[in-house]
């Protein structure tokens, strides 16, 4: 059976601690403003995140209705993929798959 190695790609990531709502939101959507999603259709997600609950992450795999199929729990990492998409990943898997790039 053929074997494959993951190509060396540098990604950006932030860990969801349950308390760093602004950091994670800004990572995924840019700094919030009064006219941003956080002020309207994302308010429910924002309040859930503020309470340290799961973070619904919109990915390339979401259905046509925009329903999030991926959820980041406290302790998970949210990574920005090579096409600018976001995915949650469990801490243990993140630590096995990625290493910090010094000087980046």
PDB file of N, CA and C in Angstrom:
ATOM      1  N   UNK A   1       0.842  -1.172   0.000  1.00  0.00           N
ATOM      2  CA  UNK A   1       0.000   0.000   0.000  1.00  0.00           C
ATOM      3  C   UNK A   1       0.889   1.237   0.000  1.00  0.00           C
ATOM      4  N   UNK A   2       0.597   2.232  -0.868  1.00  0.00           N
ATOM      5  CA  UNK A   2       1.397   3.470  -0.905  1.00  0.00           C
ATOM      6  C   UNK A   2       1.265   4.245   0.413  1.00  0.00           C
ATOM      7  N   UNK A   3       2.326   4.950   0.765  1.00  0.00           N
ATOM      8  CA  UNK A   3       2.320   5.795   1.957  1.00  0.00           C
ATOM      9  C   UNK A   3       2.544   7.237   1.527  1.00  0.00           C
ATOM     10  N   UNK A   4       2.001   8.154   2.290  1.00  0.00           N
ATOM     11  CA  UNK A   4       2.108   9.575   1.970  1.00  0.00           C
ATOM     12  C   UNK A   4       2.527  10.350   3.200  1.00  0.00           C
ATOM     13  N   UNK A   5       3.264  11.435   2.973  1.00  0.00           N
ATOM     14  CA  UNK A   5       3.689  12.332   4.035  1.00  0.00           C
ATOM     15  C   UNK A   5       3.013  13.681   3.820  1.00  0.00           C
ATOM     16  N   UNK A   6       2.570  14.295   4.892  1.00  0.00           N
ATOM     17  CA  UNK A   6       1.955  15.613   4.794  1.00  0.00           C
ATOM     18  C   UNK A   6       3.008  16.610   4.338  1.00  0.00           C
ATOM     19  N   UNK A   7       2.677  17.418   3.326  1.00  0.00           N
ATOM     20  CA  UNK A   7       3.617  18.427   2.827  1.00  0.00           C
ATOM     21  C   UNK A   7       3.898  19.443   3.933  1.00  0.00           C
ATOM     22  N   UNK A   8       5.127  19.934   3.992  1.00  0.00           N
ATOM     23  CA  UNK A   8       5.416  20.947   5.011  1.00  0.00           C
ATOM     24  C   UNK A   8       4.753  22.277   4.649  1.00  0.00           C
ATOM     25  N   UNK A   9       3.740  22.611   5.394  1.00  0.00           N
ATOM     26  CA  UNK A   9       2.985  23.843   5.171  1.00  0.00           C
ATOM     27  C   UNK A   9       2.917  24.596   6.488  1.00  0.00           C
ATOM     28  N   UNK A  10       3.153  25.881   6.473  1.00  0.00           N
ATOM     29  CA  UNK A  10       3.042  26.700   7.669  1.00  0.00           C
ATOM     30  C   UNK A  10       1.606  27.208   7.752  1.00  0.00           C
ATOM     31  N   UNK A  11       0.974  26.980   8.897  1.00  0.00           N
ATOM     32  CA  UNK A  11      -0.405  27.429   9.108  1.00  0.00           C
ATOM     33  C   UNK A  11      -0.440  28.402  10.282  1.00  0.00           C
ATOM     34  N   UNK A  12      -1.521  29.135  10.395  1.00  0.00           N
ATOM     35  CA  UNK A  12      -1.764  29.980  11.563  1.00  0.00           C
ATOM     36  C   UNK A  12      -2.807  29.273  12.411  1.00  0.00           C
ATOM     37  N   UNK A  13      -2.686  29.402  13.728  1.00  0.00           N
ATOM     38  CA  UNK A  13      -3.622  28.739  14.622  1.00  0.00           C
ATOM     39  C   UNK A  13      -3.731  29.505  15.927  1.00  0.00           C
ATOM     40  N   UNK A  14      -4.870  29.323  16.586  1.00  0.00           N
ATOM     41  CA  UNK A  14      -5.088  29.887  17.910  1.00  0.00           C
ATOM     42  C   UNK A  14      -5.830  28.839  18.720  1.00  0.00           C
ATOM     43  N   UNK A  15      -5.478  28.718  19.999  1.00  0.00           N
ATOM     44  CA  UNK A  15      -6.149  27.739  20.846  1.00  0.00           C
ATOM     45  C   UNK A  15      -7.326  28.398  21.550  1.00  0.00           C
ATOM     46  N   UNK A  16      -8.484  27.733  21.530  1.00  0.00           N
ATOM     47  CA  UNK A  16      -9.692  28.214  22.208  1.00  0.00           C
ATOM     48  C   UNK A  16      -9.594  27.793  23.669  1.00  0.00           C
ATOM     49  N   UNK A  17      -9.379  28.770  24.550  1.00  0.00           N
ATOM     50  CA  UNK A  17      -9.205  28.497  25.978  1.00  0.00           C
ATOM     51  C   UNK A  17     -10.509  28.598  26.755  1.00  0.00           C
ATOM     52  N   UNK A  18     -11.549  29.113  26.100  1.00  0.00           N
ATOM     53  CA  UNK A  18     -12.807  29.355  26.793  1.00  0.00           C
ATOM     54  C   UNK A  18     -12.903  30.768  27.327  1.00  0.00           C
ATOM     55  N   UNK A  19     -11.792  31.493  27.280  1.00  0.00           N
ATOM     56  CA  UNK A  19     -11.763  32.858  27.801  1.00  0.00           C
ATOM     57  C   UNK A  19     -11.260  33.876  26.777  1.00  0.00           C
ATOM     58  N   UNK A  20     -10.665  33.418  25.687  1.00  0.00           N
ATOM     59  CA  UNK A  20     -10.054  34.326  24.707  1.00  0.00           C
ATOM     60  C   UNK A  20     -10.967  34.566  23.497  1.00  0.00           C
ATOM     61  N   UNK A  21     -12.213  34.957  23.778  1.00  0.00           N
ATOM     62  CA  UNK A  21     -13.209  35.157  22.727  1.00  0.00           C
ATOM     63  C   UNK A  21     -12.737  36.170  21.696  1.00  0.00           C
ATOM     64  N   UNK A  22     -12.283  37.320  22.147  1.00  0.00           N
ATOM     65  CA  UNK A  22     -11.878  38.373  21.212  1.00  0.00           C
ATOM     66  C   UNK A  22     -10.699  37.919  20.351  1.00  0.00           C
ATOM     67  N   UNK A  23      -9.741  37.225  20.938  1.00  0.00           N
ATOM     68  CA  UNK A  23      -8.581  36.746  20.181  1.00  0.00           C
ATOM     69  C   UNK A  23      -9.001  35.777  19.071  1.00  0.00           C
ATOM     70  N   UNK A  24      -9.854  34.803  19.410  1.00  0.00           N
ATOM     71  CA  UNK A  24     -10.278  33.815  18.420  1.00  0.00           C
ATOM     72  C   UNK A  24     -11.170  34.452  17.369  1.00  0.00           C
ATOM     73  N   UNK A  25     -12.108  35.303  17.792  1.00  0.00           N
ATOM     74  CA  UNK A  25     -12.993  35.967  16.830  1.00  0.00           C
ATOM     75  C   UNK A  25     -12.183  36.817  15.863  1.00  0.00           C
ATOM     76  N   UNK A  26     -11.231  37.581  16.383  1.00  0.00           N
ATOM     77  CA  UNK A  26     -10.399  38.440  15.544  1.00  0.00           C
ATOM     78  C   UNK A  26      -9.559  37.600  14.586  1.00  0.00           C
ATOM     79  N   UNK A  27      -9.045  36.463  15.045  1.00  0.00           N
ATOM     80  CA  UNK A  27      -8.279  35.549  14.191  1.00  0.00           C
ATOM     81  C   UNK A  27      -9.121  35.092  13.007  1.00  0.00           C
ATOM     82  N   UNK A  28     -10.378  34.773  13.264  1.00  0.00           N
ATOM     83  CA  UNK A  28     -11.236  34.203  12.223  1.00  0.00           C
ATOM     84  C   UNK A  28     -11.946  35.251  11.366  1.00  0.00           C
ATOM     85  N   UNK A  29     -12.278  36.410  11.951  1.00  0.00           N
ATOM     86  CA  UNK A  29     -13.127  37.360  11.229  1.00  0.00           C
ATOM     87  C   UNK A  29     -12.573  38.780  11.173  1.00  0.00           C
ATOM     88  N   UNK A  30     -11.450  39.039  11.804  1.00  0.00           N
ATOM     89  CA  UNK A  30     -10.952  40.399  11.917  1.00  0.00           C
ATOM     90  C   UNK A  30     -11.559  41.053  13.148  1.00  0.00           C
ATOM     91  N   UNK A  31     -11.042  42.203  13.512  1.00  0.00           N
ATOM     92  CA  UNK A  31     -11.527  42.891  14.709  1.00  0.00           C
ATOM     93  C   UNK A  31     -13.003  43.241  14.556  1.00  0.00           C
ATOM     94  N   UNK A  32     -13.811  42.947  15.581  1.00  0.00           N
ATOM     95  CA  UNK A  32     -15.245  43.238  15.481  1.00  0.00           C
ATOM     96  C   UNK A  32     -15.522  44.741  15.507  1.00  0.00           C
ATOM     97  N   UNK A  33     -16.531  45.130  14.773  1.00  0.00           N
ATOM     98  CA  UNK A  33     -17.017  46.512  14.778  1.00  0.00           C
ATOM     99  C   UNK A  33     -18.511  46.468  15.030  1.00  0.00           C
ATOM    100  N   UNK A  34     -19.118  47.594  15.204  1.00  0.00           N
ATOM    101  CA  UNK A  34     -20.556  47.653  15.441  1.00  0.00           C
ATOM    102  C   UNK A  34     -21.341  47.098  14.255  1.00  0.00           C
ATOM    103  N   UNK A  35     -20.752  47.127  13.056  1.00  0.00           N
ATOM    104  CA  UNK A  35     -21.430  46.628  11.861  1.00  0.00           C
ATOM    105  C   UNK A  35     -21.042  45.200  11.495  1.00  0.00           C
ATOM    106  N   UNK A  36     -20.157  44.581  12.277  1.00  0.00           N
ATOM    107  CA  UNK A  36     -19.689  43.237  11.938  1.00  0.00           C
ATOM    108  C   UNK A  36     -20.707  42.183  12.337  1.00  0.00           C
ATOM    109  N   UNK A  37     -20.451  40.959  11.917  1.00  0.00           N
ATOM    110  CA  UNK A  37     -21.338  39.845  12.236  1.00  0.00           C
ATOM    111  C   UNK A  37     -21.550  39.677  13.730  1.00  0.00           C
ATOM    112  N   UNK A  38     -20.544  40.008  14.507  1.00  0.00           N
ATOM    113  CA  UNK A  38     -20.663  39.805  15.947  1.00  0.00           C
ATOM    114  C   UNK A  38     -21.799  40.643  16.525  1.00  0.00           C
ATOM    115  N   UNK A  39     -22.157  41.734  15.865  1.00  0.00           N
ATOM    116  CA  UNK A  39     -23.220  42.599  16.354  1.00  0.00           C
ATOM    117  C   UNK A  39     -24.598  42.131  15.931  1.00  0.00           C
ATOM    118  N   UNK A  40     -24.691  41.165  15.045  1.00  0.00           N
ATOM    119  CA  UNK A  40     -26.015  40.752  14.583  1.00  0.00           C
ATOM    120  C   UNK A  40     -26.167  39.240  14.564  1.00  0.00           C
ATOM    121  N   UNK A  41     -25.938  38.611  13.407  1.00  0.00           N
ATOM    122  CA  UNK A  41     -26.260  37.197  13.250  1.00  0.00           C
ATOM    123  C   UNK A  41     -25.350  36.256  14.016  1.00  0.00           C
ATOM    124  N   UNK A  42     -24.221  36.708  14.539  1.00  0.00           N
ATOM    125  CA  UNK A  42     -23.313  35.845  15.286  1.00  0.00           C
ATOM    126  C   UNK A  42     -23.430  36.057  16.801  1.00  0.00           C
ATOM    127  N   UNK A  43     -24.410  36.819  17.257  1.00  0.00           N
ATOM    128  CA  UNK A  43     -24.516  37.132  18.670  1.00  0.00           C
ATOM    129  C   UNK A  43     -24.674  35.869  19.520  1.00  0.00           C
ATOM    130  N   UNK A  44     -25.479  34.915  19.061  1.00  0.00           N
ATOM    131  CA  UNK A  44     -25.677  33.676  19.819  1.00  0.00           C
ATOM    132  C   UNK A  44     -24.359  32.930  19.966  1.00  0.00           C
ATOM    133  N   UNK A  45     -23.604  32.796  18.867  1.00  0.00           N
ATOM    134  CA  UNK A  45     -22.299  32.144  18.948  1.00  0.00           C
ATOM    135  C   UNK A  45     -21.383  32.898  19.901  1.00  0.00           C
ATOM    136  N   UNK A  46     -21.398  34.221  19.809  1.00  0.00           N
ATOM    137  CA  UNK A  46     -20.529  35.034  20.653  1.00  0.00           C
ATOM    138  C   UNK A  46     -20.838  34.809  22.128  1.00  0.00           C
ATOM    139  N   UNK A  47     -22.122  34.805  22.495  1.00  0.00           N
ATOM    140  CA  UNK A  47     -22.464  34.621  23.903  1.00  0.00           C
ATOM    141  C   UNK A  47     -22.118  33.216  24.375  1.00  0.00           C
ATOM    142  N   UNK A  48     -22.312  32.208  23.519  1.00  0.00           N
ATOM    143  CA  UNK A  48     -21.928  30.840  23.882  1.00  0.00           C
ATOM    144  C   UNK A  48     -20.419  30.764  24.099  1.00  0.00           C
ATOM    145  N   UNK A  49     -19.660  31.390  23.216  1.00  0.00           N
ATOM    146  CA  UNK A  49     -18.204  31.376  23.338  1.00  0.00           C
ATOM    147  C   UNK A  49     -17.776  32.117  24.593  1.00  0.00           C
ATOM    148  N   UNK A  50     -18.451  33.242  24.870  1.00  0.00           N
ATOM    149  CA  UNK A  50     -18.105  34.039  26.033  1.00  0.00           C
ATOM    150  C   UNK A  50     -18.305  33.218  27.309  1.00  0.00           C
ATOM    151  N   UNK A  51     -19.274  32.332  27.294  1.00  0.00           N
ATOM    152  CA  UNK A  51     -19.534  31.471  28.440  1.00  0.00           C
ATOM    153  C   UNK A  51     -18.623  30.241  28.461  1.00  0.00           C
ATOM    154  N   UNK A  52     -17.659  30.156  27.522  1.00  0.00           N
ATOM    155  CA  UNK A  52     -16.713  29.050  27.492  1.00  0.00           C
ATOM    156  C   UNK A  52     -17.298  27.779  26.917  1.00  0.00           C
ATOM    157  N   UNK A  53     -18.340  27.911  26.104  1.00  0.00           N
ATOM    158  CA  UNK A  53     -18.958  26.740  25.484  1.00  0.00           C
ATOM    159  C   UNK A  53     -18.341  26.498  24.114  1.00  0.00           C
ATOM    160  N   UNK A  54     -18.880  25.537  23.395  1.00  0.00           N
ATOM    161  CA  UNK A  54     -18.348  25.179  22.080  1.00  0.00           C
ATOM    162  C   UNK A  54     -18.427  26.339  21.091  1.00  0.00           C
ATOM    163  N   UNK A  55     -17.476  26.357  20.166  1.00  0.00           N
ATOM    164  CA  UNK A  55     -17.395  27.387  19.136  1.00  0.00           C
ATOM    165  C   UNK A  55     -17.706  26.712  17.808  1.00  0.00           C
ATOM    166  N   UNK A  56     -18.770  27.144  17.135  1.00  0.00           N
ATOM    167  CA  UNK A  56     -19.132  26.581  15.839  1.00  0.00           C
ATOM    168  C   UNK A  56     -18.233  27.193  14.776  1.00  0.00           C
ATOM    169  N   UNK A  57     -17.512  26.349  14.065  1.00  0.00           N
ATOM    170  CA  UNK A  57     -16.534  26.801  13.076  1.00  0.00           C
ATOM    171  C   UNK A  57     -17.058  26.493  11.681  1.00  0.00           C
ATOM    172  N   UNK A  58     -17.254  27.529  10.883  1.00  0.00           N
ATOM    173  CA  UNK A  58     -17.695  27.358   9.508  1.00  0.00           C
ATOM    174  C   UNK A  58     -16.500  26.920   8.671  1.00  0.00           C
ATOM    175  N   UNK A  59     -16.658  25.819   7.939  1.00  0.00           N
ATOM    176  CA  UNK A  59     -15.568  25.280   7.135  1.00  0.00           C
ATOM    177  C   UNK A  59     -16.017  25.113   5.691  1.00  0.00           C
ATOM    178  N   UNK A  60     -15.109  24.648   4.854  1.00  0.00           N
ATOM    179  CA  UNK A  60     -15.438  24.385   3.453  1.00  0.00           C
ATOM    180  C   UNK A  60     -16.427  23.243   3.312  1.00  0.00           C
ATOM    181  N   UNK A  61     -16.597  22.431   4.359  1.00  0.00           N
ATOM    182  CA  UNK A  61     -17.471  21.270   4.301  1.00  0.00           C
ATOM    183  C   UNK A  61     -18.906  21.560   4.715  1.00  0.00           C
ATOM    184  N   UNK A  62     -19.206  22.791   5.088  1.00  0.00           N
ATOM    185  CA  UNK A  62     -20.553  23.114   5.526  1.00  0.00           C
ATOM    186  C   UNK A  62     -21.555  22.966   4.397  1.00  0.00           C
ATOM    187  N   UNK A  63     -22.764  22.634   4.771  1.00  0.00           N
ATOM    188  CA  UNK A  63     -23.825  22.439   3.791  1.00  0.00           C
ATOM    189  C   UNK A  63     -24.279  23.740   3.161  1.00  0.00           C
ATOM    190  N   UNK A  64     -25.202  23.658   2.199  1.00  0.00           N
ATOM    191  CA  UNK A  64     -25.678  24.842   1.498  1.00  0.00           C
ATOM    192  C   UNK A  64     -26.420  25.821   2.397  1.00  0.00           C
ATOM    193  N   UNK A  65     -26.934  25.348   3.527  1.00  0.00           N
ATOM    194  CA  UNK A  65     -27.641  26.255   4.441  1.00  0.00           C
ATOM    195  C   UNK A  65     -26.690  26.942   5.418  1.00  0.00           C
ATOM    196  N   UNK A  66     -25.382  26.703   5.270  1.00  0.00           N
ATOM    197  CA  UNK A  66     -24.392  27.358   6.122  1.00  0.00           C
ATOM    198  C   UNK A  66     -24.267  26.740   7.496  1.00  0.00           C
ATOM    199  N   UNK A  67     -24.884  25.595   7.693  1.00  0.00           N
ATOM    200  CA  UNK A  67     -24.856  24.921   8.982  1.00  0.00           C
ATOM    201  C   UNK A  67     -23.443  24.416   9.276  1.00  0.00           C
ATOM    202  N   UNK A  68     -22.912  24.817  10.421  1.00  0.00           N
ATOM    203  CA  UNK A  68     -21.556  24.416  10.797  1.00  0.00           C
ATOM    204  C   UNK A  68     -21.537  22.940  11.173  1.00  0.00           C
ATOM    205  N   UNK A  69     -20.626  22.212  10.565  1.00  0.00           N
ATOM    206  CA  UNK A  69     -20.480  20.797  10.859  1.00  0.00           C
ATOM    207  C   UNK A  69     -19.336  20.549  11.832  1.00  0.00           C
ATOM    208  N   UNK A  70     -18.555  21.572  12.107  1.00  0.00           N
ATOM    209  CA  UNK A  70     -17.403  21.424  12.986  1.00  0.00           C
ATOM    210  C   UNK A  70     -17.573  22.328  14.199  1.00  0.00           C
ATOM    211  N   UNK A  71     -17.219  21.798  15.353  1.00  0.00           N
ATOM    212  CA  UNK A  71     -17.350  22.536  16.599  1.00  0.00           C
ATOM    213  C   UNK A  71     -16.027  22.443  17.348  1.00  0.00           C
ATOM    214  N   UNK A  72     -15.551  23.584  17.827  1.00  0.00           N
ATOM    215  CA  UNK A  72     -14.335  23.607  18.642  1.00  0.00           C
ATOM    216  C   UNK A  72     -14.753  23.663  20.101  1.00  0.00           C
ATOM    217  N   UNK A  73     -14.258  22.723  20.879  1.00  0.00           N
ATOM    218  CA  UNK A  73     -14.486  22.733  22.319  1.00  0.00           C
ATOM    219  C   UNK A  73     -13.319  23.442  22.992  1.00  0.00           C
ATOM    220  N   UNK A  74     -13.514  23.842  24.231  1.00  0.00           N
ATOM    221  CA  UNK A  74     -12.439  24.493  24.972  1.00  0.00           C
ATOM    222  C   UNK A  74     -11.224  23.564  24.967  1.00  0.00           C
ATOM    223  N   UNK A  75     -10.066  24.114  24.623  1.00  0.00           N
ATOM    224  CA  UNK A  75      -8.823  23.351  24.532  1.00  0.00           C
ATOM    225  C   UNK A  75      -8.449  22.986  23.105  1.00  0.00           C
ATOM    226  N   UNK A  76      -9.420  23.029  22.186  1.00  0.00           N
ATOM    227  CA  UNK A  76      -9.142  22.743  20.778  1.00  0.00           C
ATOM    228  C   UNK A  76      -8.420  23.922  20.137  1.00  0.00           C
ATOM    229  N   UNK A  77      -7.712  23.625  19.073  1.00  0.00           N
ATOM    230  CA  UNK A  77      -7.069  24.648  18.265  1.00  0.00           C
ATOM    231  C   UNK A  77      -7.941  24.926  17.056  1.00  0.00           C
ATOM    232  N   UNK A  78      -7.949  26.161  16.589  1.00  0.00           N
ATOM    233  CA  UNK A  78      -8.610  26.515  15.337  1.00  0.00           C
ATOM    234  C   UNK A  78      -7.503  26.917  14.385  1.00  0.00           C
ATOM    235  N   UNK A  79      -7.424  26.203  13.256  1.00  0.00           N
ATOM    236  CA  UNK A  79      -6.355  26.471  12.302  1.00  0.00           C
ATOM    237  C   UNK A  79      -6.915  27.089  11.037  1.00  0.00           C
ATOM    238  N   UNK A  80      -6.106  27.927  10.423  1.00  0.00           N
ATOM    239  CA  UNK A  80      -6.438  28.496   9.111  1.00  0.00           C
ATOM    240  C   UNK A  80      -5.720  27.633   8.091  1.00  0.00           C
ATOM    241  N   UNK A  81      -6.480  27.012   7.190  1.00  0.00           N
ATOM    242  CA  UNK A  81      -5.910  26.125   6.189  1.00  0.00           C
ATOM    243  C   UNK A  81      -5.270  26.877   5.037  1.00  0.00           C
ATOM    244  N   UNK A  82      -4.756  26.133   4.084  1.00  0.00           N
ATOM    245  CA  UNK A  82      -4.008  26.706   2.971  1.00  0.00           C
ATOM    246  C   UNK A  82      -4.880  27.535   2.037  1.00  0.00           C
ATOM    247  N   UNK A  83      -6.186  27.377   2.074  1.00  0.00           N
ATOM    248  CA  UNK A  83      -7.106  28.166   1.240  1.00  0.00           C
ATOM    249  C   UNK A  83      -7.815  29.246   2.055  1.00  0.00           C
ATOM    250  N   UNK A  84      -7.358  29.478   3.295  1.00  0.00           N
ATOM    251  CA  UNK A  84      -7.970  30.481   4.153  1.00  0.00           C
ATOM    252  C   UNK A  84      -9.156  29.953   4.939  1.00  0.00           C
ATOM    253  N   UNK A  85      -9.440  28.661   4.823  1.00  0.00           N
ATOM    254  CA  UNK A  85     -10.554  28.056   5.551  1.00  0.00           C
ATOM    255  C   UNK A  85     -10.135  27.755   6.990  1.00  0.00           C
ATOM    256  N   UNK A  86     -11.103  27.524   7.863  1.00  0.00           N
ATOM    257  CA  UNK A  86     -10.835  27.257   9.269  1.00  0.00           C
ATOM    258  C   UNK A  86     -11.317  25.865   9.643  1.00  0.00           C
ATOM    259  N   UNK A  87     -10.567  25.216  10.529  1.00  0.00           N
ATOM    260  CA  UNK A  87     -10.937  23.901  11.037  1.00  0.00           C
ATOM    261  C   UNK A  87     -10.551  23.804  12.500  1.00  0.00           C
ATOM    262  N   UNK A  88     -11.405  23.217  13.326  1.00  0.00           N
ATOM    263  CA  UNK A  88     -10.994  22.932  14.699  1.00  0.00           C
ATOM    264  C   UNK A  88     -10.217  21.615  14.727  1.00  0.00           C
ATOM    265  N   UNK A  89      -9.286  21.510  15.653  1.00  0.00           N
ATOM    266  CA  UNK A  89      -8.492  20.291  15.789  1.00  0.00           C
ATOM    267  C   UNK A  89      -8.186  20.073  17.270  1.00  0.00           C
ATOM    268  N   UNK A  90      -8.341  18.858  17.727  1.00  0.00           N
ATOM    269  CA  UNK A  90      -8.101  18.525  19.132  1.00  0.00           C
ATOM    270  C   UNK A  90      -6.638  18.795  19.488  1.00  0.00           C
ATOM    271  N   UNK A  91      -6.409  19.217  20.732  1.00  0.00           N
ATOM    272  CA  UNK A  91      -5.075  19.586  21.191  1.00  0.00           C
ATOM    273  C   UNK A  91      -4.061  18.462  20.987  1.00  0.00           C
ATOM    274  N   UNK A  92      -4.426  17.228  21.327  1.00  0.00           N
ATOM    275  CA  UNK A  92      -3.490  16.113  21.205  1.00  0.00           C
ATOM    276  C   UNK A  92      -3.063  15.901  19.751  1.00  0.00           C
ATOM    277  N   UNK A  93      -4.018  16.000  18.835  1.00  0.00           N
ATOM    278  CA  UNK A  93      -3.716  15.813  17.412  1.00  0.00           C
ATOM    279  C   UNK A  93      -2.890  16.984  16.892  1.00  0.00           C
ATOM    280  N   UNK A  94      -3.231  18.193  17.333  1.00  0.00           N
ATOM    281  CA  UNK A  94      -2.476  19.378  16.930  1.00  0.00           C
ATOM    282  C   UNK A  94      -1.006  19.229  17.341  1.00  0.00           C
ATOM    283  N   UNK A  95      -0.774  18.802  18.581  1.00  0.00           N
ATOM    284  CA  UNK A  95       0.596  18.672  19.089  1.00  0.00           C
ATOM    285  C   UNK A  95       1.381  17.590  18.341  1.00  0.00           C
ATOM    286  N   UNK A  96       0.703  16.548  17.880  1.00  0.00           N
ATOM    287  CA  UNK A  96       1.362  15.495  17.123  1.00  0.00           C
ATOM    288  C   UNK A  96       1.634  15.891  15.667  1.00  0.00           C
ATOM    289  N   UNK A  97       0.822  16.808  15.154  1.00  0.00           N
ATOM    290  CA  UNK A  97       0.878  17.165  13.732  1.00  0.00           C
ATOM    291  C   UNK A  97       1.703  18.411  13.458  1.00  0.00           C
ATOM    292  N   UNK A  98       1.674  19.377  14.373  1.00  0.00           N
ATOM    293  CA  UNK A  98       2.302  20.678  14.122  1.00  0.00           C
ATOM    294  C   UNK A  98       3.355  20.987  15.171  1.00  0.00           C
ATOM    295  N   UNK A  99       4.339  21.794  14.770  1.00  0.00           N
ATOM    296  CA  UNK A  99       5.318  22.331  15.700  1.00  0.00           C
ATOM    297  C   UNK A  99       5.442  23.825  15.422  1.00  0.00           C
ATOM    298  N   UNK A 100       5.737  24.581  16.461  1.00  0.00           N
ATOM    299  CA  UNK A 100       5.826  26.029  16.321  1.00  0.00           C
ATOM    300  C   UNK A 100       6.998  26.402  15.417  1.00  0.00           C
ATOM    301  N   UNK A 101       6.792  27.381  14.559  1.00  0.00           N
ATOM    302  CA  UNK A 101       7.832  27.883  13.657  1.00  0.00           C
ATOM    303  C   UNK A 101       8.476  29.085  14.348  1.00  0.00           C
ATOM    304  N   UNK A 102       9.736  28.967  14.664  1.00  0.00           N
ATOM    305  CA  UNK A 102      10.409  30.075  15.331  1.00  0.00           C
ATOM    306  C   UNK A 102      10.753  31.164  14.317  1.00  0.00           C
ATOM    307  N   UNK A 103      10.614  32.402  14.765  1.00  0.00           N
ATOM    308  CA  UNK A 103      10.944  33.545  13.917  1.00  0.00           C
ATOM    309  C   UNK A 103       9.917  33.860  12.855  1.00  0.00           C
ATOM    310  N   UNK A 104       8.754  33.219  12.918  1.00  0.00           N
ATOM    311  CA  UNK A 104       7.726  33.490  11.884  1.00  0.00           C
ATOM    312  C   UNK A 104       6.859  34.639  12.303  1.00  0.00           C
TER     313      UNK A 104
END
